[in-house]
Amino acid sequence: MPFKSKSQQGYLYLNKPKIAEEFAEKTTKKEYEDMPEHVAKDKNGLKAYTEKHKRKKYGKD
């Protein structure tokens, strides 16, 4: 699993270096260059990694 943000990368290298190394092997240079500093939070304060994972409003299209 590649890193989702540079913040996550820093946290894992400090606290879980073995997992960070596994993630680093799966993160390409292009993915790293495009990686955000932090993952955006949605209106409920939850982290939404992609549009696919964001909460959907049912009945309102």
PDB file of N, CA and C in Angstrom:
ATOM      1  N   MET A   1       0.854  -1.180   0.000  1.00  0.00           N
ATOM      2  CA  MET A   1       0.000   0.000   0.000  1.00  0.00           C
ATOM      3  C   MET A   1       0.893   1.235   0.000  1.00  0.00           C
ATOM      4  N   PRO A   2       0.735   2.103  -0.975  1.00  0.00           N
ATOM      5  CA  PRO A   2       1.547   3.325  -0.984  1.00  0.00           C
ATOM      6  C   PRO A   2       1.047   4.337   0.045  1.00  0.00           C
ATOM      7  N   PHE A   3       1.909   5.284   0.379  1.00  0.00           N
ATOM      8  CA  PHE A   3       1.540   6.346   1.310  1.00  0.00           C
ATOM      9  C   PHE A   3       0.415   7.177   0.721  1.00  0.00           C
ATOM     10  N   LYS A   4      -0.455   7.715   1.578  1.00  0.00           N
ATOM     11  CA  LYS A   4      -1.545   8.600   1.148  1.00  0.00           C
ATOM     12  C   LYS A   4      -1.154  10.065   1.260  1.00  0.00           C
ATOM     13  N   SER A   5      -0.185  10.398   2.142  1.00  0.00           N
ATOM     14  CA  SER A   5       0.258  11.778   2.293  1.00  0.00           C
ATOM     15  C   SER A   5       1.674  11.800   2.867  1.00  0.00           C
ATOM     16  N   LYS A   6       2.329  12.943   2.724  1.00  0.00           N
ATOM     17  CA  LYS A   6       3.675  13.092   3.275  1.00  0.00           C
ATOM     18  C   LYS A   6       3.635  13.100   4.800  1.00  0.00           C
ATOM     19  N   SER A   7       2.531  13.564   5.357  1.00  0.00           N
ATOM     20  CA  SER A   7       2.352  13.549   6.800  1.00  0.00           C
ATOM     21  C   SER A   7       2.305  12.107   7.316  1.00  0.00           C
ATOM     22  N   GLN A   8       1.574  11.255   6.608  1.00  0.00           N
ATOM     23  CA  GLN A   8       1.503   9.843   6.986  1.00  0.00           C
ATOM     24  C   GLN A   8       2.888   9.206   6.895  1.00  0.00           C
ATOM     25  N   GLN A   9       3.625   9.544   5.875  1.00  0.00           N
ATOM     26  CA  GLN A   9       4.966   8.998   5.699  1.00  0.00           C
ATOM     27  C   GLN A   9       5.853   9.361   6.887  1.00  0.00           C
ATOM     28  N   GLY A  10       5.842  10.624   7.291  1.00  0.00           N
ATOM     29  CA  GLY A  10       6.647  11.060   8.420  1.00  0.00           C
ATOM     30  C   GLY A  10       6.249  10.362   9.712  1.00  0.00           C
ATOM     31  N   TYR A  11       4.953  10.226   9.939  1.00  0.00           N
ATOM     32  CA  TYR A  11       4.460   9.557  11.144  1.00  0.00           C
ATOM     33  C   TYR A  11       4.924   8.107  11.184  1.00  0.00           C
ATOM     34  N   LEU A  12       4.780   7.423  10.062  1.00  0.00           N
ATOM     35  CA  LEU A  12       5.147   6.005  10.044  1.00  0.00           C
ATOM     36  C   LEU A  12       6.644   5.801  10.222  1.00  0.00           C
ATOM     37  N   TYR A  13       7.461   6.646   9.623  1.00  0.00           N
ATOM     38  CA  TYR A  13       8.913   6.499   9.802  1.00  0.00           C
ATOM     39  C   TYR A  13       9.317   6.728  11.259  1.00  0.00           C
ATOM     40  N   LEU A  14       8.622   7.606  11.964  1.00  0.00           N
ATOM     41  CA  LEU A  14       8.928   7.846  13.374  1.00  0.00           C
ATOM     42  C   LEU A  14       8.426   6.733  14.286  1.00  0.00           C
ATOM     43  N   ASN A  15       7.215   6.253  14.020  1.00  0.00           N
ATOM     44  CA  ASN A  15       6.562   5.334  14.950  1.00  0.00           C
ATOM     45  C   ASN A  15       6.525   3.877  14.514  1.00  0.00           C
ATOM     46  N   LYS A  16       6.509   3.614  13.224  1.00  0.00           N
ATOM     47  CA  LYS A  16       6.415   2.247  12.695  1.00  0.00           C
ATOM     48  C   LYS A  16       7.354   2.099  11.495  1.00  0.00           C
ATOM     49  N   PRO A  17       8.668   2.131  11.729  1.00  0.00           N
ATOM     50  CA  PRO A  17       9.607   2.136  10.599  1.00  0.00           C
ATOM     51  C   PRO A  17       9.530   0.911   9.688  1.00  0.00           C
ATOM     52  N   LYS A  18       9.199  -0.245  10.209  1.00  0.00           N
ATOM     53  CA  LYS A  18       9.103  -1.441   9.352  1.00  0.00           C
ATOM     54  C   LYS A  18       7.956  -1.315   8.363  1.00  0.00           C
ATOM     55  N   ILE A  19       6.826  -0.813   8.838  1.00  0.00           N
ATOM     56  CA  ILE A  19       5.675  -0.604   7.953  1.00  0.00           C
ATOM     57  C   ILE A  19       5.990   0.494   6.939  1.00  0.00           C
ATOM     58  N   ALA A  20       6.682   1.537   7.382  1.00  0.00           N
ATOM     59  CA  ALA A  20       7.050   2.636   6.484  1.00  0.00           C
ATOM     60  C   ALA A  20       7.928   2.130   5.345  1.00  0.00           C
ATOM     61  N   GLU A  21       8.840   1.233   5.639  1.00  0.00           N
ATOM     62  CA  GLU A  21       9.703   0.679   4.586  1.00  0.00           C
ATOM     63  C   GLU A  21       8.880  -0.113   3.573  1.00  0.00           C
ATOM     64  N   GLU A  22       7.905  -0.877   4.052  1.00  0.00           N
ATOM     65  CA  GLU A  22       7.036  -1.640   3.144  1.00  0.00           C
ATOM     66  C   GLU A  22       6.244  -0.687   2.245  1.00  0.00           C
ATOM     67  N   PHE A  23       5.701   0.380   2.842  1.00  0.00           N
ATOM     68  CA  PHE A  23       4.952   1.361   2.061  1.00  0.00           C
ATOM     69  C   PHE A  23       5.860   2.052   1.046  1.00  0.00           C
ATOM     70  N   ALA A  24       7.090   2.369   1.456  1.00  0.00           N
ATOM     71  CA  ALA A  24       8.025   3.075   0.578  1.00  0.00           C
ATOM     72  C   ALA A  24       8.348   2.241  -0.659  1.00  0.00           C
ATOM     73  N   GLU A  25       8.431   0.931  -0.491  1.00  0.00           N
ATOM     74  CA  GLU A  25       8.705   0.055  -1.635  1.00  0.00           C
ATOM     75  C   GLU A  25       7.580   0.117  -2.661  1.00  0.00           C
ATOM     76  N   LYS A  26       6.362   0.389  -2.206  1.00  0.00           N
ATOM     77  CA  LYS A  26       5.203   0.396  -3.089  1.00  0.00           C
ATOM     78  C   LYS A  26       4.813   1.789  -3.568  1.00  0.00           C
ATOM     79  N   THR A  27       5.527   2.817  -3.126  1.00  0.00           N
ATOM     80  CA  THR A  27       5.246   4.185  -3.547  1.00  0.00           C
ATOM     81  C   THR A  27       6.251   4.576  -4.627  1.00  0.00           C
ATOM     82  N   THR A  28       5.735   4.888  -5.815  1.00  0.00           N
ATOM     83  CA  THR A  28       6.618   5.274  -6.916  1.00  0.00           C
ATOM     84  C   THR A  28       7.058   6.731  -6.754  1.00  0.00           C
ATOM     85  N   LYS A  29       8.080   7.092  -7.504  1.00  0.00           N
ATOM     86  CA  LYS A  29       8.574   8.470  -7.465  1.00  0.00           C
ATOM     87  C   LYS A  29       7.498   9.444  -7.935  1.00  0.00           C
ATOM     88  N   LYS A  30       6.751   9.063  -8.959  1.00  0.00           N
ATOM     89  CA  LYS A  30       5.669   9.910  -9.484  1.00  0.00           C
ATOM     90  C   LYS A  30       4.574  10.096  -8.427  1.00  0.00           C
ATOM     91  N   GLU A  31       4.212   9.007  -7.725  1.00  0.00           N
ATOM     92  CA  GLU A  31       3.203   9.111  -6.667  1.00  0.00           C
ATOM     93  C   GLU A  31       3.690  10.025  -5.551  1.00  0.00           C
ATOM     94  N   TYR A  32       4.974   9.924  -5.214  1.00  0.00           N
ATOM     95  CA  TYR A  32       5.527  10.769  -4.154  1.00  0.00           C
ATOM     96  C   TYR A  32       5.472  12.249  -4.544  1.00  0.00           C
ATOM     97  N   GLU A  33       5.810  12.558  -5.793  1.00  0.00           N
ATOM     98  CA  GLU A  33       5.793  13.947  -6.255  1.00  0.00           C
ATOM     99  C   GLU A  33       4.376  14.536  -6.229  1.00  0.00           C
ATOM    100  N   ASP A  34       3.371  13.706  -6.501  1.00  0.00           N
ATOM    101  CA  ASP A  34       1.980  14.166  -6.533  1.00  0.00           C
ATOM    102  C   ASP A  34       1.286  14.073  -5.171  1.00  0.00           C
ATOM    103  N   MET A  35       1.958  13.511  -4.183  1.00  0.00           N
ATOM    104  CA  MET A  35       1.368  13.268  -2.869  1.00  0.00           C
ATOM    105  C   MET A  35       1.108  14.583  -2.123  1.00  0.00           C
ATOM    106  N   PRO A  36      -0.072  14.721  -1.524  1.00  0.00           N
ATOM    107  CA  PRO A  36      -0.361  15.944  -0.749  1.00  0.00           C
ATOM    108  C   PRO A  36       0.376  15.937   0.585  1.00  0.00           C
ATOM    109  N   GLU A  37       0.545  17.112   1.183  1.00  0.00           N
ATOM    110  CA  GLU A  37       1.161  17.199   2.513  1.00  0.00           C
ATOM    111  C   GLU A  37       0.270  16.531   3.551  1.00  0.00           C
ATOM    112  N   HIS A  38      -1.025  16.825   3.469  1.00  0.00           N
ATOM    113  CA  HIS A  38      -2.010  16.255   4.386  1.00  0.00           C
ATOM    114  C   HIS A  38      -3.213  15.809   3.576  1.00  0.00           C
ATOM    115  N   VAL A  39      -3.949  14.844   4.108  1.00  0.00           N
ATOM    116  CA  VAL A  39      -5.183  14.410   3.470  1.00  0.00           C
ATOM    117  C   VAL A  39      -6.298  15.311   3.979  1.00  0.00           C
ATOM    118  N   ALA A  40      -7.124  15.781   3.067  1.00  0.00           N
ATOM    119  CA  ALA A  40      -8.208  16.702   3.429  1.00  0.00           C
ATOM    120  C   ALA A  40      -9.222  16.025   4.330  1.00  0.00           C
ATOM    121  N   LYS A  41      -9.814  16.816   5.211  1.00  0.00           N
ATOM    122  CA  LYS A  41     -10.880  16.314   6.068  1.00  0.00           C
ATOM    123  C   LYS A  41     -12.216  16.756   5.492  1.00  0.00           C
ATOM    124  N   ASP A  42     -13.217  15.902   5.646  1.00  0.00           N
ATOM    125  CA  ASP A  42     -14.535  16.287   5.168  1.00  0.00           C
ATOM    126  C   ASP A  42     -15.250  17.121   6.232  1.00  0.00           C
ATOM    127  N   LYS A  43     -16.492  17.495   6.005  1.00  0.00           N
ATOM    128  CA  LYS A  43     -17.211  18.393   6.909  1.00  0.00           C
ATOM    129  C   LYS A  43     -17.450  17.792   8.287  1.00  0.00           C
ATOM    130  N   ASN A  44     -17.363  16.462   8.425  1.00  0.00           N
ATOM    131  CA  ASN A  44     -17.554  15.811   9.710  1.00  0.00           C
ATOM    132  C   ASN A  44     -16.236  15.616  10.459  1.00  0.00           C
ATOM    133  N   GLY A  45     -15.139  16.089   9.880  1.00  0.00           N
ATOM    134  CA  GLY A  45     -13.840  15.948  10.519  1.00  0.00           C
ATOM    135  C   GLY A  45     -13.170  14.626  10.216  1.00  0.00           C
ATOM    136  N   LEU A  46     -13.776  13.832   9.342  1.00  0.00           N
ATOM    137  CA  LEU A  46     -13.192  12.552   8.971  1.00  0.00           C
ATOM    138  C   LEU A  46     -12.299  12.732   7.756  1.00  0.00           C
ATOM    139  N   LYS A  47     -11.254  11.957   7.693  1.00  0.00           N
ATOM    140  CA  LYS A  47     -10.363  12.056   6.553  1.00  0.00           C
ATOM    141  C   LYS A  47     -10.954  11.311   5.371  1.00  0.00           C
ATOM    142  N   ALA A  48     -11.051  11.977   4.261  1.00  0.00           N
ATOM    143  CA  ALA A  48     -11.577  11.386   3.039  1.00  0.00           C
ATOM    144  C   ALA A  48     -10.426  11.259   2.058  1.00  0.00           C
ATOM    145  N   TYR A  49      -9.991  10.043   1.785  1.00  0.00           N
ATOM    146  CA  TYR A  49      -8.821   9.831   0.945  1.00  0.00           C
ATOM    147  C   TYR A  49      -9.096  10.089  -0.522  1.00  0.00           C
ATOM    148  N   THR A  50     -10.246   9.685  -1.001  1.00  0.00           N
ATOM    149  CA  THR A  50     -10.585   9.906  -2.402  1.00  0.00           C
ATOM    150  C   THR A  50     -12.061  10.245  -2.500  1.00  0.00           C
ATOM    151  N   GLU A  51     -12.474  10.693  -3.659  1.00  0.00           N
ATOM    152  CA  GLU A  51     -13.884  10.977  -3.889  1.00  0.00           C
ATOM    153  C   GLU A  51     -14.707   9.707  -3.669  1.00  0.00           C
ATOM    154  N   LYS A  52     -14.167   8.573  -4.043  1.00  0.00           N
ATOM    155  CA  LYS A  52     -14.862   7.298  -3.913  1.00  0.00           C
ATOM    156  C   LYS A  52     -15.211   6.990  -2.454  1.00  0.00           C
ATOM    157  N   HIS A  53     -14.362   7.416  -1.533  1.00  0.00           N
ATOM    158  CA  HIS A  53     -14.565   7.099  -0.130  1.00  0.00           C
ATOM    159  C   HIS A  53     -15.365   8.148   0.637  1.00  0.00           C
ATOM    160  N   LYS A  54     -15.642   9.270   0.013  1.00  0.00           N
ATOM    161  CA  LYS A  54     -16.406  10.312   0.692  1.00  0.00           C
ATOM    162  C   LYS A  54     -17.846   9.864   0.878  1.00  0.00           C
ATOM    163  N   ARG A  55     -18.449  10.378   1.920  1.00  0.00           N
ATOM    164  CA  ARG A  55     -19.833  10.049   2.223  1.00  0.00           C
ATOM    165  C   ARG A  55     -20.748  10.602   1.136  1.00  0.00           C
ATOM    166  N   LYS A  56     -21.692   9.794   0.697  1.00  0.00           N
ATOM    167  CA  LYS A  56     -22.618  10.219  -0.339  1.00  0.00           C
ATOM    168  C   LYS A  56     -23.905  10.708   0.285  1.00  0.00           C
ATOM    169  N   LYS A  57     -24.540  11.696  -0.354  1.00  0.00           N
ATOM    170  CA  LYS A  57     -25.834  12.202   0.090  1.00  0.00           C
ATOM    171  C   LYS A  57     -26.896  11.493  -0.729  1.00  0.00           C
ATOM    172  N   TYR A  58     -27.584  10.570  -0.117  1.00  0.00           N
ATOM    173  CA  TYR A  58     -28.601   9.801  -0.818  1.00  0.00           C
ATOM    174  C   TYR A  58     -29.871  10.625  -0.967  1.00  0.00           C
ATOM    175  N   GLY A  59     -30.506  10.458  -2.127  1.00  0.00           N
ATOM    176  CA  GLY A  59     -31.764  11.148  -2.380  1.00  0.00           C
ATOM    177  C   GLY A  59     -31.603  12.567  -2.896  1.00  0.00           C
ATOM    178  N   LYS A  60     -30.367  13.069  -2.947  1.00  0.00           N
ATOM    179  CA  LYS A  60     -30.119  14.416  -3.453  1.00  0.00           C
ATOM    180  C   LYS A  60     -29.119  14.336  -4.589  1.00  0.00           C
ATOM    181  N   ASP A  61     -29.635  14.292  -5.813  1.00  0.00           N
ATOM    182  CA  ASP A  61     -28.751  14.221  -6.992  1.00  0.00           C
ATOM    183  C   ASP A  61     -28.781  15.467  -7.787  1.00  0.00           C
TER     184      ASP A  61
END
